[in-house]
Amino acid sequence: KEPVRYANLMYDRRVVRGNTYAVQAVPMSTQPSPLEIQRQREARKKALARKHAKEQMQPRTPEPVKGREHIHVQTELYLEEISDRIIEVDTECQTDAFLDRPATPLFIPAKTGKDVATQIEEGELFDFDIEVKPILEVLIGKTVEQAFLEVMEEEELAHLRARQRAYAELRNAELAEAQRLEEQDRRYREEKERRKRQHMQMLQKQKETTEKIAARAFAQHYLADLIPSVFNNLRDSGFFYDPIERDIETEFLPWLMAEVEETLERKVLGRTMLDSLICTVVEKRLDAFSHKPLPNQTEAPAEEPRPTDAAPQVAGETDAADQPVTENEETDHSAEEQPLRRISFQLEESDQAGTEDLETE
């Protein structure tokens, strides 16, 4: 809120009227401070309390009896009509136009008293040459004294200026020396702090270097046996291997074992078949030899046994009387050996073919 700007100086609170001794300075801002407002409130409260106490101490009219009341009575010299409403009256006045007012005449005060004249001849009152001499002496003396005082003052001022200049020069020199000493002290202090920091950094680096060397030695001592054991474990686990050896182990050996197993299975199969054939032939021969020959079969003419005929048929058709038992046994053996030779020859051929296949692969 902008302060109120008064056009008339008579209403400006900053204009001091009367005695200015111990006058309170009015602040530039019209907005009072909170402290001033608090002080005014306290003063107003104290004034109200004092007024209330004063009113309590004043004698008062006793209370009216029952059925009556107190009324206000005028005790002043001039009676006034007491009314709740103030009487207002409108009045008008018509002024006539005036002509130009003439110039105000010069004020001449009225003459008072009586005129009295006295005749004085020349030389009756005083002699100028005699009377002016002391006055001139006083004036000249005062002038000379004043001039002398001014000259002394000028010399004293010049002396003071010289002393001031010398003091200023000395003070400036002392200030420059103090600044130099302060700067030197600051440089020494900074150099000292810098040297301390360098020493602390050197000690810290030395400590770190010692710790690093100790840690490196401990790590080397700790890892001396760790690295070979790790590599051995990795090598045993199969992480480090020879590619040719691994190729032989993973590719060639499984294939070779599969081929060998297949060949062995064929051989075992052939031998199993041979064993079954031998068992079958032996069982048939045993059956043939277990039966006794009939009489009509002995008289029949003997026939040449064919190589493809079975052993029981040859034995049944031969005559026991015409051919001896030894011839029958030789015939039976020759008939049995022919299929056995044929089977063994086939097995040898299959074994030879499997071996050739392995060699070619």
Foldseek 3Di string as FASTA:
>chain_A
DDDDDDPDPVPDPQDDDDDPPPDDHDDPDPDDDPVVVVVVVVVVVVVVVVVVVVVVPDDDDDADDPPDHDDDDDPDPDDDDDDPDDDDDDDDDDDDDDDDDDDDDDDDDDDDDDDDDDDDDPPPPHDCVVVCVVVVVVVVVVVVVVVVVVVVVVVVVVVVVVVVVVVVVVVVVVVVVVVVVVVVVVVVVVVVVVVVVVVVVVVVVVVVVVVVVVVVVVCCVVCVVVVVVVVVVCVVVPVDDDPVVVCCVPPVVVVVVVLVVVLVVLLVVLVVVLVVVVVVLVVVVVVLVVDDADVVLQPADQDDDDLPDHLSVNSSNYHCVVDPPVVSVVSNVSSVVVVVVVSVVVSVVSSVVSVVVVVVD
